[in-house]
N, C-alpha and C. Protein backbone atom coordinates (compact mmCIF):
# COMPACT_ATOMS: atom_id res chain seq x y z
N UNK A 1 0.76 -1.44 0.30
CA UNK A 1 -0.14 -0.16 0.24
C UNK A 1 0.63 1.36 0.20
N UNK A 2 0.57 2.15 -0.99
CA UNK A 2 1.19 3.49 -0.73
C UNK A 2 0.82 4.42 0.40
N UNK A 3 1.55 5.61 0.72
CA UNK A 3 1.63 6.36 1.54
C UNK A 3 -0.22 7.02 1.14
N UNK A 4 -0.21 7.15 -0.19
CA UNK A 4 -1.67 7.97 -0.01
C UNK A 4 -2.48 6.94 0.24
N UNK A 5 -2.70 5.99 -0.10
CA UNK A 5 -3.76 4.67 0.25
C UNK A 5 -3.62 5.02 1.67
N UNK A 6 -2.75 4.66 2.46
CA UNK A 6 -2.92 5.15 4.03
C UNK A 6 -3.67 6.40 4.48
N UNK A 7 -3.22 7.04 3.61
CA UNK A 7 -3.68 8.70 3.99
C UNK A 7 -5.06 8.48 3.86
N UNK A 8 -5.73 7.92 3.10
CA UNK A 8 -6.98 7.99 2.61
C UNK A 8 -8.06 7.22 3.46
N UNK A 9 -7.37 6.35 4.07
CA UNK A 9 -7.83 5.49 4.56
C UNK A 9 -8.57 5.88 6.15
N UNK A 10 -9.54 5.74 6.68
CA UNK A 10 -10.10 6.80 7.95
C UNK A 10 -10.16 5.61 8.90
N UNK A 11 -9.63 6.54 10.21
CA UNK A 11 -10.04 5.37 11.43
C UNK A 11 -11.36 5.30 11.86
N UNK A 12 -11.73 4.41 12.46
CA UNK A 12 -13.10 4.42 13.05
C UNK A 12 -13.12 5.33 14.17
N UNK A 13 -14.11 6.07 14.39
CA UNK A 13 -14.29 6.88 15.46
C UNK A 13 -14.33 6.36 16.67
N UNK A 14 -13.20 7.14 17.56
CA UNK A 14 -13.69 6.95 19.21
C UNK A 14 -14.72 7.02 19.93
N UNK A 15 -15.46 6.01 20.02
CA UNK A 15 -17.14 6.49 21.12
C UNK A 15 -16.73 7.79 22.09
N UNK A 16 -17.76 8.23 22.39
CA UNK A 16 -17.62 9.89 22.75
C UNK A 16 -17.61 8.99 24.42
N UNK A 17 -17.23 9.61 25.49
CA UNK A 17 -17.13 9.70 26.36
C UNK A 17 -18.80 9.72 27.57
N UNK A 18 -19.48 10.91 26.40
CA UNK A 18 -20.72 11.15 26.72
C UNK A 18 -21.59 9.78 26.70
N UNK A 19 -21.45 9.05 25.76
CA UNK A 19 -22.39 7.78 25.41
C UNK A 19 -22.66 7.30 26.84
N UNK A 20 -23.69 6.95 26.90
CA UNK A 20 -24.21 6.07 28.02
C UNK A 20 -24.27 6.45 29.44
N UNK A 21 -23.92 7.95 28.92
CA UNK A 21 -24.13 8.86 30.66
C UNK A 21 -25.34 10.02 29.94
N UNK A 22 -26.53 10.19 31.25
CA UNK A 22 -27.84 11.08 31.14
C UNK A 22 -27.36 12.20 30.59
N UNK A 23 -27.90 12.82 30.31
CA UNK A 23 -27.98 14.34 29.62
C UNK A 23 -28.31 15.04 30.43
N UNK A 24 -27.83 15.72 31.01
CA UNK A 24 -28.34 16.77 32.21
C UNK A 24 -28.77 18.50 31.68
N UNK A 25 -29.85 18.58 31.79
CA UNK A 25 -30.84 19.70 31.49
C UNK A 25 -31.13 20.39 32.77
N UNK A 26 -31.71 21.73 32.45
CA UNK A 26 -32.07 22.54 33.75
C UNK A 26 -33.36 21.43 34.48
N UNK A 27 -33.99 20.86 33.30
CA UNK A 27 -35.44 19.91 34.60
C UNK A 27 -34.78 18.38 35.19
N UNK A 28 -33.48 18.53 35.02
CA UNK A 28 -33.13 17.15 35.83
C UNK A 28 -33.16 17.45 37.25
N UNK A 29 -33.44 16.82 37.73
CA UNK A 29 -33.54 17.20 39.47
C UNK A 29 -32.31 16.78 39.89
N UNK A 30 -31.94 17.31 40.96
CA UNK A 30 -30.69 17.30 41.84
C UNK A 30 -30.45 15.94 42.45
N UNK A 31 -29.37 15.62 42.29
CA UNK A 31 -29.02 14.44 43.61
C UNK A 31 -29.02 15.06 44.81
N UNK A 32 -28.62 13.84 45.83
CA UNK A 32 -28.89 14.53 47.06
C UNK A 32 -27.66 15.28 47.19
N UNK A 33 -26.16 14.22 46.66
CA UNK A 33 -24.83 15.59 46.70
C UNK A 33 -24.81 16.31 46.35
N UNK A 34 -25.75 16.75 44.68
CA UNK A 34 -25.86 18.01 44.52
C UNK A 34 -26.89 19.30 45.24
N UNK A 35 -27.73 18.74 45.96
CA UNK A 35 -28.65 19.15 47.02
C UNK A 35 -27.40 19.77 48.16
N UNK A 36 -26.79 18.69 48.62
CA UNK A 36 -25.87 19.34 49.54
C UNK A 36 -24.96 20.31 49.07
N UNK A 37 -24.14 20.12 48.19
CA UNK A 37 -23.32 21.32 47.46
C UNK A 37 -24.05 22.39 47.22
N UNK A 38 -25.03 22.32 46.67
CA UNK A 38 -25.72 23.56 46.53
C UNK A 38 -25.63 24.53 47.63
N UNK A 39 -26.56 24.06 48.71
CA UNK A 39 -26.57 24.18 50.32
C UNK A 39 -25.53 24.92 50.89
N UNK A 40 -24.13 24.05 50.52
CA UNK A 40 -22.88 24.44 51.17
C UNK A 40 -22.38 26.15 50.32
N UNK A 41 -22.71 25.62 48.77
CA UNK A 41 -22.18 26.99 48.23
C UNK A 41 -22.87 28.08 48.42
N UNK A 42 -23.98 28.53 48.68
CA UNK A 42 -24.89 29.17 49.02
C UNK A 42 -24.26 30.21 50.38
N UNK A 43 -23.49 29.59 51.22
CA UNK A 43 -22.83 30.11 52.35
C UNK A 43 -21.97 31.27 51.82
N UNK A 44 -20.81 30.80 51.36
CA UNK A 44 -19.84 31.58 51.20
C UNK A 44 -19.62 31.84 49.82
N UNK A 45 -20.30 31.00 48.66
CA UNK A 45 -20.00 31.09 47.36
C UNK A 45 -18.73 30.47 46.75
N UNK A 46 -18.04 29.68 47.85
CA UNK A 46 -17.04 29.35 47.47
C UNK A 46 -16.80 27.48 47.14
N UNK A 47 -16.76 27.33 45.79
CA UNK A 47 -17.23 25.92 45.29
C UNK A 47 -16.44 24.92 45.89
N UNK A 48 -14.78 25.18 46.33
CA UNK A 48 -14.00 24.37 46.71
C UNK A 48 -14.37 24.17 48.20
N UNK A 49 -14.43 24.91 48.83
CA UNK A 49 -15.05 24.97 50.45
C UNK A 49 -16.69 24.27 50.31
N UNK A 50 -17.01 24.46 49.64
CA UNK A 50 -18.81 23.49 49.52
C UNK A 50 -18.46 22.38 49.29
N UNK A 51 -17.74 21.84 48.32
CA UNK A 51 -17.40 20.54 48.25
C UNK A 51 -16.87 19.69 49.45
N UNK A 52 -15.66 20.31 49.90
CA UNK A 52 -15.22 19.85 51.35
C UNK A 52 -16.36 19.72 52.39
N UNK A 53 -17.04 20.59 52.29
CA UNK A 53 -17.93 20.47 53.48
C UNK A 53 -19.19 19.51 53.46
N UNK A 54 -19.87 19.65 52.02
CA UNK A 54 -20.86 18.57 51.63
C UNK A 54 -20.13 17.11 51.44
N UNK A 55 -18.98 17.08 50.56
CA UNK A 55 -18.87 15.70 51.03
C UNK A 55 -17.04 15.67 51.80
N UNK A 56 -17.37 15.32 53.02
CA UNK A 56 -16.02 15.34 53.95
C UNK A 56 -15.10 13.87 53.85
N UNK A 57 -14.12 14.20 53.48
CA UNK A 57 -13.21 13.29 52.94
C UNK A 57 -12.66 14.04 51.99
N UNK A 58 -13.01 14.99 51.25
CA UNK A 58 -12.48 15.32 49.78
C UNK A 58 -11.56 16.11 49.77
N UNK A 59 -10.52 15.89 48.83
CA UNK A 59 -9.26 16.39 49.23
C UNK A 59 -9.45 17.85 48.40
N UNK A 60 -8.90 18.79 48.68
CA UNK A 60 -8.61 20.23 48.00
C UNK A 60 -8.35 20.31 46.58
N UNK A 61 -7.31 19.60 46.28
CA UNK A 61 -6.92 19.32 44.64
C UNK A 61 -8.52 18.82 44.00
N UNK A 62 -8.54 17.75 44.28
CA UNK A 62 -9.66 17.79 43.62
C UNK A 62 -11.20 18.47 44.06
N UNK A 63 -11.34 18.98 45.11
CA UNK A 63 -12.73 19.90 45.39
C UNK A 63 -12.58 20.86 44.45
N UNK A 64 -11.41 21.39 43.98
CA UNK A 64 -11.28 22.48 43.00
C UNK A 64 -12.17 22.31 41.88
N UNK A 65 -11.69 20.98 41.28
CA UNK A 65 -12.52 20.50 40.01
C UNK A 65 -13.52 20.07 39.97
N UNK A 66 -13.74 19.52 41.29
CA UNK A 66 -14.91 18.84 41.07
C UNK A 66 -16.10 20.13 41.51
N UNK A 67 -15.66 20.65 42.45
CA UNK A 67 -16.72 22.45 42.64
C UNK A 67 -16.79 23.01 40.92
N UNK A 68 -15.84 22.82 40.47
CA UNK A 68 -16.13 23.45 38.87
C UNK A 68 -16.77 22.97 37.96
N UNK A 69 -16.75 21.58 37.88
CA UNK A 69 -17.65 20.59 37.34
C UNK A 69 -19.59 20.88 37.58
N UNK A 70 -19.13 21.23 39.03
CA UNK A 70 -21.09 20.66 39.60
C UNK A 70 -21.56 22.37 39.06
N UNK A 71 -20.86 23.61 39.32
CA UNK A 71 -21.24 24.64 38.57
C UNK A 71 -21.79 24.74 37.31
N UNK A 72 -20.91 24.14 36.48
CA UNK A 72 -21.00 24.38 35.02
C UNK A 72 -22.55 23.47 34.65
N UNK A 73 -23.10 22.26 35.66
CA UNK A 73 -24.14 21.71 35.31
C UNK A 73 -25.49 22.62 35.24
N UNK A 74 -26.04 22.68 33.87
CA UNK A 74 -27.13 23.47 34.38
C UNK A 74 -28.20 23.60 35.59
N UNK A 75 -28.40 22.30 35.84
CA UNK A 75 -29.36 22.19 37.03
C UNK A 75 -28.88 22.30 38.47
N UNK A 76 -27.53 22.50 38.70
CA UNK A 76 -27.10 22.96 39.38
C UNK A 76 -27.19 24.39 39.51
N UNK A 77 -26.52 25.34 38.33
CA UNK A 77 -26.43 26.80 38.21
C UNK A 77 -27.98 27.02 38.31
N UNK A 78 -28.77 26.60 37.70
CA UNK A 78 -30.20 27.24 38.24
C UNK A 78 -30.98 26.98 39.59
N UNK A 79 -30.38 25.74 40.26
CA UNK A 79 -30.65 25.95 41.49
C UNK A 79 -29.72 26.99 42.56
N UNK A 80 -28.61 27.01 42.59
CA UNK A 80 -27.90 27.82 42.81
C UNK A 80 -28.54 29.92 42.90
N UNK A 81 -28.80 29.92 41.33
CA UNK A 81 -29.69 31.01 41.26
C UNK A 81 -31.04 30.78 41.72
N UNK A 82 -31.94 30.72 41.93
CA UNK A 82 -32.97 30.02 43.18
C UNK A 82 -32.85 30.81 44.32
N UNK A 83 -31.32 29.96 44.96
CA UNK A 83 -31.09 30.30 45.96
C UNK A 83 -30.86 31.65 46.31
N UNK A 84 -30.10 32.29 45.61
CA UNK A 84 -29.24 33.29 45.67
C UNK A 84 -30.67 34.35 46.09
N UNK A 85 -31.63 34.25 44.91
CA UNK A 85 -33.02 34.92 44.83
C UNK A 85 -33.71 34.98 46.08
N UNK A 86 -33.57 33.43 46.48
CA UNK A 86 -34.20 33.53 47.68
C UNK A 86 -33.52 34.25 48.99
N UNK A 87 -32.48 34.23 49.00
CA UNK A 87 -31.27 35.21 49.91
C UNK A 87 -32.00 36.58 49.87
N UNK A 88 -31.66 37.01 49.03
CA UNK A 88 -32.15 38.41 48.36
C UNK A 88 -33.47 38.79 49.00
N UNK A 89 -34.85 38.22 48.60
CA UNK A 89 -35.77 37.69 48.65
C UNK A 89 -36.07 38.12 50.59
N UNK A 90 -35.25 37.33 51.34
CA UNK A 90 -35.60 37.04 52.63
C UNK A 90 -34.75 38.31 53.15
N UNK A 91 -33.85 39.07 52.70
CA UNK A 91 -33.29 40.08 53.16
C UNK A 91 -33.42 41.51 52.86
N UNK A 92 -34.54 41.41 51.94
CA UNK A 92 -35.38 42.49 51.30
C UNK A 92 -34.21 43.16 50.54
N UNK A 93 -33.48 42.79 49.92
CA UNK A 93 -32.63 43.05 48.80
C UNK A 93 -33.14 43.38 47.35
N UNK A 94 -32.92 44.52 46.86
CA UNK A 94 -32.92 44.61 45.73
C UNK A 94 -32.47 45.92 44.85
N UNK A 95 -31.95 45.94 43.88
CA UNK A 95 -31.59 47.14 43.32
C UNK A 95 -32.17 48.41 43.61
N UNK A 96 -33.30 48.22 43.53
CA UNK A 96 -34.48 49.48 43.90
C UNK A 96 -34.10 50.12 45.27
N UNK A 97 -33.90 49.00 46.23
CA UNK A 97 -33.92 49.15 47.57
C UNK A 97 -32.56 49.95 47.90
N UNK A 98 -31.44 48.90 47.68
CA UNK A 98 -30.13 49.56 47.20
C UNK A 98 -29.61 51.12 46.78
N UNK A 99 -30.70 51.39 45.83
CA UNK A 99 -30.32 52.32 45.34
C UNK A 99 -30.85 53.52 45.93
N UNK A 100 -32.16 53.12 46.78
CA UNK A 100 -33.05 54.24 47.57
C UNK A 100 -31.87 54.46 48.84
N UNK A 101 -31.25 53.44 49.38
CA UNK A 101 -30.60 53.64 50.43
C UNK A 101 -29.66 54.13 50.22
N UNK A 102 -28.80 54.32 48.70
CA UNK A 102 -28.12 55.10 48.27
C UNK A 102 -28.15 56.47 48.23
N UNK A 103 -29.49 57.06 47.73
CA UNK A 103 -30.14 58.22 47.24
C UNK A 103 -30.30 58.67 48.84
N UNK A 104 -30.81 58.24 49.66
CA UNK A 104 -31.10 58.93 51.15
C UNK A 104 -29.48 59.35 51.63
N UNK A 105 -29.04 58.54 51.46
CA UNK A 105 -27.29 59.01 52.27
C UNK A 105 -27.05 60.30 52.00
N UNK A 106 -27.19 59.98 50.13
CA UNK A 106 -26.20 61.31 49.19
C UNK A 106 -27.13 62.61 49.35
N UNK A 107 -28.32 62.52 49.74
CA UNK A 107 -29.01 63.90 49.61
C UNK A 107 -29.68 64.15 50.59
N UNK A 108 -29.19 63.44 52.02
CA UNK A 108 -29.91 64.01 53.24
C UNK A 108 -29.21 65.38 53.59
N UNK A 109 -30.50 66.01 54.33
CA UNK A 109 -29.88 67.35 55.14
C UNK A 109 -29.79 67.11 56.19
N UNK A 110 -28.86 67.63 56.77
CA UNK A 110 -28.62 67.43 58.44
C UNK A 110 -29.55 68.14 59.29
N UNK A 111 -30.16 69.15 58.84
CA UNK A 111 -31.34 70.01 59.87
C UNK A 111 -32.30 69.35 60.38
N UNK A 112 -32.62 68.12 59.59
CA UNK A 112 -33.63 67.09 59.81
C UNK A 112 -33.47 66.38 61.26
N UNK A 113 -32.06 66.11 61.82
CA UNK A 113 -31.76 65.99 62.89
C UNK A 113 -32.77 66.79 64.10
N UNK A 114 -32.55 67.85 64.17
CA UNK A 114 -32.72 68.94 65.11
C UNK A 114 -34.48 69.27 65.15
N UNK A 115 -34.85 69.65 65.78
CA UNK A 115 -36.29 70.43 66.06
C UNK A 115 -36.64 71.73 65.78
N UNK A 116 -37.48 72.20 65.54
CA UNK A 116 -37.70 73.84 65.32
C UNK A 116 -36.88 74.93 66.91
N UNK A 117 -36.63 74.13 67.45
CA UNK A 117 -35.89 74.75 68.71
C UNK A 117 -34.29 74.75 68.70
N UNK A 118 -34.08 73.90 67.74
CA UNK A 118 -32.24 73.03 67.81
C UNK A 118 -32.17 72.66 68.40
N UNK A 119 -32.50 71.87 69.25
CA UNK A 119 -32.63 70.77 69.89
C UNK A 119 -32.43 69.72 68.87
N UNK A 120 -31.70 68.37 69.34
CA UNK A 120 -31.31 67.41 68.53
C UNK A 120 -32.91 66.22 69.22
N UNK A 121 -33.55 65.68 67.53
CA UNK A 121 -34.75 65.13 68.21
C UNK A 121 -34.15 63.50 68.48
N UNK A 122 -35.03 62.92 69.65
CA UNK A 122 -34.44 61.59 69.82
C UNK A 122 -34.45 60.60 68.62
N UNK A 123 -33.95 59.49 68.73
CA UNK A 123 -33.72 58.67 67.66
C UNK A 123 -35.40 58.40 67.13
N UNK A 124 -36.25 57.87 67.99
CA UNK A 124 -37.32 57.37 67.68
C UNK A 124 -38.39 58.11 66.70
N UNK A 125 -37.96 59.53 66.89
CA UNK A 125 -38.57 60.39 65.96
C UNK A 125 -37.95 60.89 64.87
N UNK A 126 -37.10 60.18 64.43
CA UNK A 126 -36.41 60.96 63.30
C UNK A 126 -37.20 59.74 61.76
N UNK A 127 -37.10 60.96 61.21
CA UNK A 127 -37.57 59.93 59.46
C UNK A 127 -37.30 59.03 59.23
N UNK A 128 -37.49 57.90 58.15
CA UNK A 128 -36.77 57.13 57.83
C UNK A 128 -35.59 57.44 56.67
N UNK A 129 -35.94 59.07 56.20
CA UNK A 129 -34.78 59.73 55.49
C UNK A 129 -33.45 60.08 56.52
N UNK A 130 -33.57 60.42 58.06
CA UNK A 130 -32.59 60.75 58.70
C UNK A 130 -32.16 59.64 59.09
N UNK A 131 -32.88 58.63 59.20
CA UNK A 131 -32.50 57.73 60.12
C UNK A 131 -31.60 56.91 59.20
N UNK A 132 -31.76 56.53 57.83
CA UNK A 132 -30.71 55.44 56.73
C UNK A 132 -29.38 56.36 56.96
N UNK A 133 -29.59 57.88 57.06
CA UNK A 133 -28.24 58.92 56.59
C UNK A 133 -27.16 58.76 58.23
N UNK A 134 -27.97 58.06 59.21
CA UNK A 134 -27.45 58.24 60.70
C UNK A 134 -26.58 56.86 60.87
N UNK A 135 -25.12 57.28 60.64
CA UNK A 135 -24.29 56.23 61.23
C UNK A 135 -23.89 55.97 62.53
N UNK A 136 -23.69 56.86 63.74
CA UNK A 136 -24.00 56.74 64.75
C UNK A 136 -24.12 57.67 65.80
N UNK A 137 -24.69 57.63 66.65
CA UNK A 137 -24.48 58.77 67.38
C UNK A 137 -24.31 58.84 68.97
N UNK A 138 -23.59 59.65 69.76
CA UNK A 138 -23.12 59.16 71.00
C UNK A 138 -23.44 60.28 71.70
N UNK A 139 -23.93 60.10 73.16
CA UNK A 139 -24.07 61.36 74.18
C UNK A 139 -22.78 61.03 75.22
N UNK A 140 -22.51 62.21 75.61
CA UNK A 140 -21.33 61.92 76.41
C UNK A 140 -22.04 63.12 77.44
N UNK A 141 -21.61 62.81 78.77
CA UNK A 141 -22.34 63.55 79.87
C UNK A 141 -21.27 63.72 80.99
N UNK A 142 -20.74 65.30 80.77
CA UNK A 142 -19.52 65.48 81.18
C UNK A 142 -19.05 67.02 81.96
N UNK A 143 -18.64 67.08 83.13
CA UNK A 143 -18.50 68.80 83.42
C UNK A 143 -17.26 69.36 82.23
N UNK A 144 -18.26 70.40 81.51
CA UNK A 144 -17.05 70.57 80.25
C UNK A 144 -16.41 71.95 80.62
N UNK A 145 -16.47 72.59 81.76
CA UNK A 145 -16.15 73.76 82.36
C UNK A 145 -15.99 73.27 83.65
N UNK A 146 -14.36 73.10 83.86
CA UNK A 146 -14.23 72.63 85.68
C UNK A 146 -14.83 73.91 86.65
N UNK A 147 -15.11 73.19 87.62
CA UNK A 147 -15.54 74.35 88.75
C UNK A 147 -17.10 74.81 88.36
N UNK A 148 -17.53 74.65 87.87
CA UNK A 148 -18.96 75.09 87.71
C UNK A 148 -19.90 74.08 88.32
N UNK A 149 -19.71 73.05 88.27
CA UNK A 149 -20.27 72.14 89.22
C UNK A 149 -21.71 71.44 88.54
N UNK A 150 -21.53 71.76 86.89
CA UNK A 150 -22.43 71.39 85.96
C UNK A 150 -22.15 70.50 85.25
N UNK A 151 -23.45 69.30 85.10
CA UNK A 151 -23.02 68.54 84.03
C UNK A 151 -23.27 68.71 82.79
N UNK A 152 -22.69 68.65 81.75
CA UNK A 152 -22.93 69.05 80.39
C UNK A 152 -23.13 67.59 79.82
N UNK A 153 -24.14 67.78 79.04
CA UNK A 153 -24.50 66.60 78.00
C UNK A 153 -24.01 66.89 76.28
N UNK A 154 -23.26 66.21 75.88
CA UNK A 154 -22.66 66.10 74.63
C UNK A 154 -23.59 65.10 73.80
N UNK A 155 -23.78 65.84 72.61
CA UNK A 155 -24.19 64.85 71.72
C UNK A 155 -23.36 64.93 70.34
N UNK A 156 -22.84 63.90 69.95
CA UNK A 156 -21.88 63.55 68.72
C UNK A 156 -23.19 62.88 67.75
N UNK A 157 -23.45 63.40 66.69
CA UNK A 157 -24.06 62.67 65.52
C UNK A 157 -22.84 62.57 64.31
N UNK A 158 -22.83 61.27 63.69
CA UNK A 158 -22.17 61.18 62.51
C UNK A 158 -22.90 60.85 61.67
N UNK A 159 -23.09 60.70 60.10
CA UNK A 159 -23.85 60.32 59.28
C UNK A 159 -22.62 59.66 58.41
N UNK A 160 -23.08 58.79 57.56
CA UNK A 160 -22.26 58.15 56.44
C UNK A 160 -21.73 59.30 55.48
N UNK A 161 -20.78 59.00 54.91
CA UNK A 161 -20.01 59.33 53.69
C UNK A 161 -20.55 60.15 52.60
N UNK A 162 -21.54 61.54 52.40
CA UNK A 162 -22.38 61.42 51.77
C UNK A 162 -21.38 61.66 50.39
N UNK A 163 -19.90 61.65 50.02
CA UNK A 163 -19.53 61.74 48.86
C UNK A 163 -19.54 60.43 48.31
N UNK A 164 -19.18 59.50 49.13
CA UNK A 164 -18.94 58.33 48.79
C UNK A 164 -20.58 57.65 48.22
N UNK A 165 -21.24 58.27 48.52
CA UNK A 165 -22.73 57.79 48.03
C UNK A 165 -22.96 58.36 46.80
N UNK A 166 -22.73 59.93 46.88
CA UNK A 166 -23.01 60.51 45.59
C UNK A 166 -22.12 60.02 44.09
N UNK A 167 -20.74 59.23 44.97
CA UNK A 167 -20.01 58.99 43.59
C UNK A 167 -20.51 57.64 43.27
N UNK A 168 -21.10 56.97 43.81
CA UNK A 168 -21.74 55.44 43.65
C UNK A 168 -22.97 55.63 42.55
N UNK A 169 -23.70 56.71 42.98
CA UNK A 169 -24.76 57.00 42.47
C UNK A 169 -24.36 57.62 40.92
N UNK A 170 -23.44 58.74 40.78
CA UNK A 170 -23.02 59.18 39.30
C UNK A 170 -22.37 58.07 38.67
N UNK A 171 -22.15 57.13 39.14
CA UNK A 171 -21.19 55.86 38.67
C UNK A 171 -22.42 54.87 37.77
N UNK A 172 -23.40 54.48 38.92
CA UNK A 172 -24.33 53.61 38.32
C UNK A 172 -25.13 54.58 37.17
N UNK A 173 -25.58 56.02 37.28
CA UNK A 173 -26.19 56.78 36.21
C UNK A 173 -25.29 57.10 35.10
N UNK A 174 -24.15 56.50 35.38
CA UNK A 174 -23.15 57.06 33.86
C UNK A 174 -23.05 58.50 33.87
N UNK A 175 -23.44 59.09 34.88
CA UNK A 175 -22.94 60.72 34.79
C UNK A 175 -21.19 60.92 35.09
N UNK A 176 -20.93 60.07 35.79
CA UNK A 176 -19.10 60.10 36.36
C UNK A 176 -18.29 59.62 34.88
N UNK A 177 -17.39 60.11 34.16
CA UNK A 177 -16.48 59.14 33.57
C UNK A 177 -14.81 59.06 33.88
N UNK A 178 -13.99 58.07 34.18
CA UNK A 178 -12.84 58.33 34.48
C UNK A 178 -12.00 58.34 33.32
N UNK A 179 -11.28 59.41 33.11
CA UNK A 179 -10.46 59.53 31.95
C UNK A 179 -8.96 59.38 32.29
N UNK A 180 -8.50 58.94 31.67
CA UNK A 180 -6.62 59.00 31.61
C UNK A 180 -6.11 59.59 30.93
N UNK A 181 -4.97 60.53 31.34
CA UNK A 181 -4.03 61.36 30.77
C UNK A 181 -2.91 60.77 30.48
N UNK A 182 -2.53 60.36 29.47
CA UNK A 182 -1.08 60.17 29.34
C UNK A 182 -0.37 60.86 28.48
N UNK A 183 0.83 61.20 29.24
CA UNK A 183 1.65 62.30 28.98
C UNK A 183 3.02 61.55 28.64
N UNK A 184 3.99 61.90 27.97
CA UNK A 184 5.41 61.39 27.34
C UNK A 184 5.33 61.34 25.83
N UNK A 185 6.92 61.06 25.54
CA UNK A 185 7.35 60.74 24.10
C UNK A 185 7.36 59.48 23.56
N UNK A 186 7.09 59.10 22.84
CA UNK A 186 6.92 57.71 21.56
C UNK A 186 8.36 58.20 20.57
N UNK A 187 9.26 57.06 20.81
CA UNK A 187 10.25 56.82 19.81
C UNK A 187 9.76 56.08 19.17
N UNK A 188 10.24 55.92 17.79
CA UNK A 188 10.26 54.92 17.13
C UNK A 188 11.50 54.45 16.11
N UNK A 189 11.94 53.47 16.35
CA UNK A 189 13.21 52.80 15.92
C UNK A 189 13.02 52.14 14.29
N UNK A 190 13.53 52.23 13.68
CA UNK A 190 13.55 51.04 12.94
C UNK A 190 14.93 50.40 12.66
N UNK A 191 15.06 49.15 12.30
CA UNK A 191 16.03 48.31 12.27
C UNK A 191 16.34 48.30 11.02
N UNK A 192 17.45 48.77 10.90
CA UNK A 192 18.07 47.96 9.17
C UNK A 192 19.35 46.93 9.19
N UNK A 193 19.28 46.34 8.45
CA UNK A 193 19.88 44.92 8.33
C UNK A 193 21.15 44.97 7.49
């Protein structure tokens, strides 16, 4: 047989590794191991640690690859997404709620902490807007002027950083663009042989 004849001869195709394995879709129910993995993964979103907790005795080297294999399965990915959505719903977290909190901090008016006489309002009388902007409140009772025998009450009110909240809102709304200015010389050289 000539070389050309050998080249034209086709070898039989190797059997696929997937033959005999069930096809996993979104509708495929989770196995017990997959359910344990999903539950553990939702704790810290670390696939390696989830494998090690769900399957005691697993080695870290094999847990990393096994975790990524499980994350690639459509039914496991769907279960994780459903679990994350349940966590967010339970915590009352949504994009709208987070934007509202950022808005409250960014646009808060500090005058709302005081009544019409300039006295600090009690915490239970603060509006939702003011309470959201309040980071901490400290009450100190001490004698400010020594020798007068009078105990003064000092109220310290601290709000969340307004500039940080504004920056987050600017970025979200696309109002803030970062520009990089590059200054310098470029030198071109041609090689001649």
